[in-house]
C-alpha atoms as a PDB file:
ATOM      1  CA  MET A   1       0.000   0.000   0.000  1.00  0.00           C
ATOM      2  CA  ARG A   2       2.781   2.466   0.879  1.00  0.00           C
ATOM      3  CA  GLU A   3       4.434   2.110  -2.538  1.00  0.00           C
ATOM      4  CA  GLU A   4       1.129   2.701  -4.302  1.00  0.00           C
ATOM      5  CA  VAL A   5       0.499   5.843  -2.251  1.00  0.00           C
ATOM      6  CA  LYS A   6       4.012   7.098  -3.017  1.00  0.00           C
ATOM      7  CA  LYS A   7       3.269   6.738  -6.716  1.00  0.00           C
ATOM      8  CA  ILE A   8       0.080   8.757  -6.266  1.00  0.00           C
ATOM      9  CA  VAL A   9       1.998  11.514  -4.453  1.00  0.00           C
ATOM     10  CA  GLU A  10       4.642  11.565  -7.202  1.00  0.00           C
ATOM     11  CA  ALA A  11       1.930  11.812  -9.851  1.00  0.00           C
ATOM     12  CA  MET A  12       0.272  14.670  -7.983  1.00  0.00           C
ATOM     13  CA  SER A  13       3.580  16.566  -7.854  1.00  0.00           C
ATOM     14  CA  LYS A  14       3.811  16.379 -11.658  1.00  0.00           C
ATOM     15  CA  ASN A  15       0.262  17.541 -12.319  1.00  0.00           C
ATOM     16  CA  PHE A  16      -0.110  20.412  -9.851  1.00  0.00           C
ATOM     17  CA  VAL A  17       1.908  23.569  -9.267  1.00  0.00           C
ATOM     18  CA  ALA A  18       4.172  23.091  -6.261  1.00  0.00           C
ATOM     19  CA  HIS A  19       4.098  25.339  -3.215  1.00  0.00           C
ATOM     20  CA  PRO A  20       7.145  27.625  -3.671  1.00  0.00           C
ATOM     21  CA  TRP A  21       8.367  27.062  -0.114  1.00  0.00           C
ATOM     22  CA  HIS A  22       7.445  23.460   0.635  1.00  0.00           C
ATOM     23  CA  GLY A  23       7.127  21.846  -2.785  1.00  0.00           C
ATOM     24  CA  ILE A  24      10.364  22.874  -4.512  1.00  0.00           C
ATOM     25  CA  GLU A  25      13.766  21.399  -3.693  1.00  0.00           C
ATOM     26  CA  VAL A  26      16.732  23.501  -2.595  1.00  0.00           C
ATOM     27  CA  GLY A  27      18.704  22.099  -5.514  1.00  0.00           C
ATOM     28  CA  GLU A  28      20.870  19.064  -6.191  1.00  0.00           C
ATOM     29  CA  LYS A  29      24.078  21.145  -5.984  1.00  0.00           C
ATOM     30  CA  SER A  30      23.123  22.976  -2.780  1.00  0.00           C
ATOM     31  CA  PRO A  31      24.641  24.849  -1.027  1.00  0.00           C
ATOM     32  CA  ALA A  32      26.885  25.978  -3.889  1.00  0.00           C
ATOM     33  CA  ILE A  33      24.030  26.396  -6.377  1.00  0.00           C
ATOM     34  CA  VAL A  34      20.487  26.781  -5.095  1.00  0.00           C
ATOM     35  CA  ASN A  35      17.022  27.420  -6.418  1.00  0.00           C
ATOM     36  CA  ALA A  36      15.826  30.922  -5.605  1.00  0.00           C
ATOM     37  CA  TYR A  37      12.147  31.817  -5.630  1.00  0.00           C
ATOM     38  CA  ILE A  38      11.937  35.503  -6.573  1.00  0.00           C
ATOM     39  CA  GLU A  39       9.333  37.639  -4.826  1.00  0.00           C
ATOM     40  CA  ILE A  40      10.624  41.126  -5.728  1.00  0.00           C
ATOM     41  CA  ILE A  41      12.477  42.551  -8.736  1.00  0.00           C
ATOM     42  CA  PRO A  42      14.278  45.932  -8.875  1.00  0.00           C
ATOM     43  CA  ALA A  43      11.415  47.600 -10.794  1.00  0.00           C
ATOM     44  CA  ASP A  44       8.879  46.883  -8.052  1.00  0.00           C
ATOM     45  CA  ALA A  45       7.535  49.798  -6.041  1.00  0.00           C
ATOM     46  CA  ILE A  46       5.513  47.301  -4.003  1.00  0.00           C
ATOM     47  CA  LYS A  47       6.911  44.905  -1.415  1.00  0.00           C
ATOM     48  CA  TYR A  48       5.601  41.472  -2.310  1.00  0.00           C
ATOM     49  CA  GLU A  49       6.020  38.348  -0.248  1.00  0.00           C
ATOM     50  CA  ILE A  50       4.756  34.805  -0.279  1.00  0.00           C
ATOM     51  CA  ASP A  51       1.522  33.987   1.508  1.00  0.00           C
ATOM     52  CA  LYS A  52       2.811  31.020   3.502  1.00  0.00           C
ATOM     53  CA  PRO A  53      -0.413  28.980   3.720  1.00  0.00           C
ATOM     54  CA  SER A  54      -1.330  29.211   0.014  1.00  0.00           C
ATOM     55  CA  GLY A  55       2.001  29.809  -1.714  1.00  0.00           C
ATOM     56  CA  HIS A  56       0.599  32.759  -3.670  1.00  0.00           C
ATOM     57  CA  ILE A  57       2.418  36.083  -3.979  1.00  0.00           C
ATOM     58  CA  MET A  58       0.672  38.757  -1.937  1.00  0.00           C
ATOM     59  CA  VAL A  59       1.088  42.509  -1.497  1.00  0.00           C
ATOM     60  CA  ASP A  60       2.772  43.288   1.794  1.00  0.00           C
ATOM     61  CA  ARG A  61       2.945  47.062   1.436  1.00  0.00           C
ATOM     62  CA  PRO A  62       3.926  49.849  -0.974  1.00  0.00           C
ATOM     63  CA  GLN A  63       7.568  50.833  -0.700  1.00  0.00           C
ATOM     64  CA  LYS A  64       7.590  54.073   1.277  1.00  0.00           C
ATOM     65  CA  LEU A  65      10.959  55.369   0.119  1.00  0.00           C
ATOM     66  CA  SER A  66      12.306  56.196  -3.322  1.00  0.00           C
ATOM     67  CA  ASN A  67      15.067  53.585  -3.211  1.00  0.00           C
ATOM     68  CA  HIS A  68      14.111  50.284  -4.821  1.00  0.00           C
ATOM     69  CA  MET A  69      15.368  46.767  -4.249  1.00  0.00           C
ATOM     70  CA  PRO A  70      18.727  46.718  -6.070  1.00  0.00           C
ATOM     71  CA  CYS A  71      18.611  43.026  -7.039  1.00  0.00           C
ATOM     72  CA  LEU A  72      16.341  40.036  -7.451  1.00  0.00           C
ATOM     73  CA  TYR A  73      15.070  39.129  -3.991  1.00  0.00           C
ATOM     74  CA  GLY A  74      13.328  36.112  -2.595  1.00  0.00           C
ATOM     75  CA  PHE A  75      14.002  32.966  -0.593  1.00  0.00           C
ATOM     76  CA  ILE A  76      15.502  29.503  -0.822  1.00  0.00           C
ATOM     77  CA  PRO A  77      12.845  26.748  -0.797  1.00  0.00           C
ATOM     78  CA  LYS A  78      12.761  24.229   2.039  1.00  0.00           C
ATOM     79  CA  THR A  79      14.798  26.424   4.375  1.00  0.00           C
ATOM     80  CA  TYR A  80      13.772  27.868   7.746  1.00  0.00           C
ATOM     81  CA  CYS A  81      15.645  30.178  10.092  1.00  0.00           C
ATOM     82  CA  ASP A  82      15.327  28.806  13.598  1.00  0.00           C
ATOM     83  CA  THR A  83      17.636  27.362  16.256  1.00  0.00           C
ATOM     84  CA  GLN A  84      20.520  26.215  14.026  1.00  0.00           C
ATOM     85  CA  VAL A  85      20.729  29.503  12.127  1.00  0.00           C
ATOM     86  CA  ALA A  86      20.401  31.481  15.360  1.00  0.00           C
ATOM     87  CA  ALA A  87      23.153  29.436  17.043  1.00  0.00           C
ATOM     88  CA  PHE A  88      25.530  30.198  14.179  1.00  0.00           C
ATOM     89  CA  ALA A  89      24.729  33.922  14.362  1.00  0.00           C
ATOM     90  CA  ASN A  90      25.369  33.891  18.116  1.00  0.00           C
ATOM     91  CA  GLU A  91      28.641  32.043  17.615  1.00  0.00           C
ATOM     92  CA  LYS A  92      29.904  34.469  14.965  1.00  0.00           C
ATOM     93  CA  THR A  93      28.834  37.648  16.788  1.00  0.00           C
ATOM     94  CA  GLY A  94      29.772  36.560  20.312  1.00  0.00           C
ATOM     95  CA  ARG A  95      26.202  37.118  21.461  1.00  0.00           C
ATOM     96  CA  THR A  96      23.729  34.822  23.172  1.00  0.00           C
ATOM     97  CA  GLU A  97      20.304  36.402  22.692  1.00  0.00           C
ATOM     98  CA  ILE A  98      19.823  36.106  18.908  1.00  0.00           C
ATOM     99  CA  THR A  99      16.854  34.002  17.784  1.00  0.00           C
ATOM    100  CA  GLY A 100      15.740  32.858  14.349  1.00  0.00           C
ATOM    101  CA  ASP A 101      13.117  34.902  12.501  1.00  0.00           C
ATOM    102  CA  LEU A 102      11.069  31.764  11.664  1.00  0.00           C
ATOM    103  CA  ASP A 103      10.997  32.564   7.953  1.00  0.00           C
ATOM    104  CA  PRO A 104      12.550  30.963   4.867  1.00  0.00           C
ATOM    105  CA  LEU A 105      16.170  31.979   4.252  1.00  0.00           C
ATOM    106  CA  ASP A 106      16.331  35.174   2.173  1.00  0.00           C
ATOM    107  CA  ILE A 107      18.455  35.405  -0.953  1.00  0.00           C
ATOM    108  CA  CYS A 108      19.596  38.322  -3.117  1.00  0.00           C
ATOM    109  CA  VAL A 109      20.445  37.362  -6.705  1.00  0.00           C
ATOM    110  CA  LEU A 110      22.670  39.710  -8.704  1.00  0.00           C
ATOM    111  CA  SER A 111      22.368  39.913 -12.482  1.00  0.00           C
ATOM    112  CA  GLU A 112      23.046  42.461 -15.195  1.00  0.00           C
ATOM    113  CA  ARG A 113      19.831  41.487 -16.960  1.00  0.00           C
ATOM    114  CA  THR A 114      16.481  43.245 -16.604  1.00  0.00           C
ATOM    115  CA  PHE A 115      13.595  41.148 -15.292  1.00  0.00           C
ATOM    116  CA  LEU A 116       9.984  42.078 -16.025  1.00  0.00           C
ATOM    117  CA  HIS A 117       8.105  40.128 -13.359  1.00  0.00           C
ATOM    118  CA  ASN A 118       8.482  38.197 -10.141  1.00  0.00           C
ATOM    119  CA  ASN A 119       7.059  34.795  -9.157  1.00  0.00           C
ATOM    120  CA  ILE A 120       9.903  32.980 -10.910  1.00  0.00           C
ATOM    121  CA  LEU A 121      12.545  30.408 -10.042  1.00  0.00           C
ATOM    122  CA  CYS A 122      16.188  30.859 -10.933  1.00  0.00           C
ATOM    123  CA  GLU A 123      19.315  28.823 -10.320  1.00  0.00           C
ATOM    124  CA  SER A 124      21.739  30.943  -8.349  1.00  0.00           C
ATOM    125  CA  LYS A 125      25.419  30.537  -7.479  1.00  0.00           C
ATOM    126  CA  VAL A 126      26.053  31.421  -3.838  1.00  0.00           C
ATOM    127  CA  ILE A 127      28.981  33.797  -3.264  1.00  0.00           C
ATOM    128  CA  GLY A 128      28.444  35.086   0.295  1.00  0.00           C
ATOM    129  CA  GLY A 129      25.981  36.823   2.555  1.00  0.00           C
ATOM    130  CA  PHE A 130      25.089  39.501   5.082  1.00  0.00           C
ATOM    131  CA  ARG A 131      24.711  38.594   8.733  1.00  0.00           C
ATOM    132  CA  MET A 132      21.720  40.830   9.301  1.00  0.00           C
ATOM    133  CA  LEU A 133      19.900  41.193  12.590  1.00  0.00           C
ATOM    134  CA  ASP A 134      16.405  42.651  12.619  1.00  0.00           C
ATOM    135  CA  GLY A 135      14.962  43.314  16.051  1.00  0.00           C
ATOM    136  CA  GLY A 136      17.341  40.788  17.587  1.00  0.00           C
ATOM    137  CA  GLU A 137      16.424  38.043  15.108  1.00  0.00           C
ATOM    138  CA  ALA A 138      18.786  36.379  12.639  1.00  0.00           C
ATOM    139  CA  ASP A 139      17.712  37.591   9.193  1.00  0.00           C
ATOM    140  CA  ASP A 140      20.630  36.535   6.983  1.00  0.00           C
ATOM    141  CA  LYS A 141      20.656  37.653   3.365  1.00  0.00           C
ATOM    142  CA  ILE A 142      22.425  35.140   1.155  1.00  0.00           C
ATOM    143  CA  ILE A 143      24.162  36.854  -1.779  1.00  0.00           C
ATOM    144  CA  ALA A 144      24.242  34.968  -5.073  1.00  0.00           C
ATOM    145  CA  VAL A 145      24.762  35.570  -8.774  1.00  0.00           C
ATOM    146  CA  LEU A 146      22.429  34.344 -11.475  1.00  0.00           C
ATOM    147  CA  LYS A 147      23.823  31.117 -12.904  1.00  0.00           C
ATOM    148  CA  ASN A 148      25.546  31.800 -16.258  1.00  0.00           C
ATOM    149  CA  ASP A 149      25.012  35.558 -15.947  1.00  0.00           C
ATOM    150  CA  GLN A 150      27.202  37.271 -18.556  1.00  0.00           C
ATOM    151  CA  ALA A 151      28.445  39.956 -16.177  1.00  0.00           C
ATOM    152  CA  TYR A 152      28.598  38.205 -12.806  1.00  0.00           C
ATOM    153  CA  GLY A 153      28.419  34.504 -13.651  1.00  0.00           C
ATOM    154  CA  ASN A 154      32.167  33.869 -13.245  1.00  0.00           C
ATOM    155  CA  ILE A 155      32.345  35.398  -9.760  1.00  0.00           C
ATOM    156  CA  GLU A 156      33.038  32.753  -7.122  1.00  0.00           C
ATOM    157  CA  ASP A 157      33.112  34.762  -3.891  1.00  0.00           C
ATOM    158  CA  ILE A 158      31.672  38.040  -2.646  1.00  0.00           C
ATOM    159  CA  SER A 159      35.219  39.432  -2.356  1.00  0.00           C
ATOM    160  CA  GLU A 160      35.387  39.413  -6.181  1.00  0.00           C
ATOM    161  CA  MET A 161      32.201  41.444  -6.628  1.00  0.00           C
ATOM    162  CA  PRO A 162      32.664  45.196  -7.245  1.00  0.00           C
ATOM    163  CA  GLN A 163      32.380  46.893  -3.853  1.00  0.00           C
ATOM    164  CA  MET A 164      29.859  49.435  -5.081  1.00  0.00           C
ATOM    165  CA  VAL A 165      27.441  46.621  -5.982  1.00  0.00           C
ATOM    166  CA  ILE A 166      27.641  45.112  -2.497  1.00  0.00           C
ATOM    167  CA  ASP A 167      27.431  48.552  -0.868  1.00  0.00           C
ATOM    168  CA  ARG A 168      24.252  49.311  -2.805  1.00  0.00           C
ATOM    169  CA  VAL A 169      22.537  46.150  -1.589  1.00  0.00           C
ATOM    170  CA  ARG A 170      23.816  46.664   1.959  1.00  0.00           C
ATOM    171  CA  HIS A 171      22.582  50.263   2.018  1.00  0.00           C
ATOM    172  CA  PHE A 172      19.101  49.219   0.922  1.00  0.00           C
ATOM    173  CA  PHE A 173      18.634  46.794   3.803  1.00  0.00           C
ATOM    174  CA  LEU A 174      19.978  49.280   6.331  1.00  0.00           C
ATOM    175  CA  THR A 175      17.614  52.050   5.221  1.00  0.00           C
ATOM    176  CA  TYR A 176      14.415  50.588   3.746  1.00  0.00           C
ATOM    177  CA  LYS A 177      12.615  50.754   7.104  1.00  0.00           C
ATOM    178  CA  ASP A 178      13.586  54.366   7.846  1.00  0.00           C
ATOM    179  CA  LEU A 179      10.060  55.781   7.607  1.00  0.00           C
ATOM    180  CA  ASP A 180       8.711  53.013   9.835  1.00  0.00           C
ATOM    181  CA  GLY A 181      11.234  53.785  12.553  1.00  0.00           C
ATOM    182  CA  GLY A 182      12.577  50.260  12.184  1.00  0.00           C
ATOM    183  CA  ALA A 183      16.026  51.091  10.831  1.00  0.00           C
ATOM    184  CA  LYS A 184      17.444  51.493  14.337  1.00  0.00           C
ATOM    185  CA  ASN A 185      16.645  47.833  14.980  1.00  0.00           C
ATOM    186  CA  VAL A 186      18.442  46.628  11.829  1.00  0.00           C
ATOM    187  CA  GLU A 187      22.162  45.951  11.689  1.00  0.00           C
ATOM    188  CA  ILE A 188      24.537  44.037   9.464  1.00  0.00           C
ATOM    189  CA  THR A 189      27.300  42.704  11.664  1.00  0.00           C
ATOM    190  CA  HIS A 190      29.310  40.926   8.960  1.00  0.00           C
ATOM    191  CA  VAL A 191      29.631  40.573   5.223  1.00  0.00           C
ATOM    192  CA  TYR A 192      30.812  36.988   4.819  1.00  0.00           C
ATOM    193  CA  GLY A 193      32.129  34.809   2.007  1.00  0.00           C
ATOM    194  CA  LYS A 194      30.718  31.719   0.372  1.00  0.00           C
ATOM    195  CA  GLU A 195      31.957  29.189   2.954  1.00  0.00           C
ATOM    196  CA  GLU A 196      29.972  30.869   5.748  1.00  0.00           C
ATOM    197  CA  ALA A 197      27.029  31.241   3.382  1.00  0.00           C
ATOM    198  CA  PHE A 198      27.160  27.499   2.698  1.00  0.00           C
ATOM    199  CA  GLU A 199      26.992  26.861   6.442  1.00  0.00           C
ATOM    200  CA  VAL A 200      23.993  29.162   6.873  1.00  0.00           C
ATOM    201  CA  ILE A 201      22.160  27.371   4.045  1.00  0.00           C
ATOM    202  CA  LYS A 202      22.956  23.947   5.498  1.00  0.00           C
ATOM    203  CA  ARG A 203      21.685  25.032   8.914  1.00  0.00           C
ATOM    204  CA  ALA A 204      18.545  26.586   7.447  1.00  0.00           C
ATOM    205  CA  SER A 205      17.878  23.289   5.644  1.00  0.00           C
ATOM    206  CA  GLU A 206      18.330  21.422   8.928  1.00  0.00           C
ATOM    207  CA  ASP A 207      15.979  23.829  10.678  1.00  0.00           C
ATOM    208  CA  TYR A 208      13.413  23.201   7.937  1.00  0.00           C
ATOM    209  CA  THR A 209      13.662  19.429   8.302  1.00  0.00           C
ATOM    210  CA  ALA A 210      13.356  19.693  12.084  1.00  0.00           C
ATOM    211  CA  LYS A 211      10.211  21.812  11.710  1.00  0.00           C
ATOM    212  CA  TYR A 212       8.464  20.271   8.709  1.00  0.00           C
ATOM    213  CA  GLY A 213      10.214  16.967   7.993  1.00  0.00           C
ATOM    214  CA  ASP A 214       9.962  15.424   4.544  1.00  0.00           C
ATOM    215  CA  THR A 215       6.820  17.026   3.099  1.00  0.00           C
ATOM    216  CA  ASN A 216       6.210  14.220   0.597  1.00  0.00           C
ATOM    217  CA  GLU A 217       6.565  11.594   3.305  1.00  0.00           C
ATOM    218  CA  THR A 218       4.192  13.581   5.514  1.00  0.00           C
ATOM    219  CA  LEU A 219       1.599  13.502   2.726  1.00  0.00           C
ATOM    220  CA  VAL A 220       2.086   9.756   2.275  1.00  0.00           C
ATOM    221  CA  GLU A 221       1.524   9.179   5.991  1.00  0.00           C
ATOM    222  CA  ALA A 222      -1.582  11.364   5.973  1.00  0.00           C
ATOM    223  CA  ILE A 223      -3.116   9.415   3.073  1.00  0.00           C
ATOM    224  CA  LEU A 224      -2.273   6.076   4.683  1.00  0.00           C
ATOM    225  CA  SER A 225      -3.830   7.210   7.940  1.00  0.00           C
ATOM    226  CA  ALA A 226      -7.012   8.317   6.153  1.00  0.00           C
ATOM    227  CA  LEU A 227      -7.290   4.938   4.425  1.00  0.00           C
ATOM    228  CA  LYS A 228      -7.170   2.954   7.677  1.00  0.00           C
END
């Protein structure tokens, strides 16, 4: 019976659109190359984010300031920032009070190409990250380049990226909450290279598994239980 149910679940996954967070894999070459689900593009004057229960893109709020997101922005599927991610942030900052933000791991994807819409998946090569804290919560921003990008595709580590590009992204995250009075609670303690970024991704994947387990296996168990 279990094998038959597994076949049904596999068939369902091929015939229905997957949930961007729970239904798409991180990527076979993770953490070096990961799938990124893009919620916001640089042209957006609206902050979009995923509606976690449904998987649809929803409007969070209009951007209040004139500066726009300077890169493709979204999250890495099947990741979750909880105890493992928080422990690493505490270790690297010498603090003890940092907690996870209980969200998927954010990713910024750099490309010289213009994108016309969000709600897309792209393979992204991880080159580093920002250790960002927002209200005392670990809110890391993984920095990646679009796979095979003609301008940035050969970059292997954040240290090779032009400093002005990194500064632009860093400045956005330090200022985008200015009108909400939230900027004082946001800090970037470190800009780190790809090896630390790999560790953050691995830990976020472990946090996801600890929280949600294998989603396909969970569905199999639910169907088997209903058939009893």
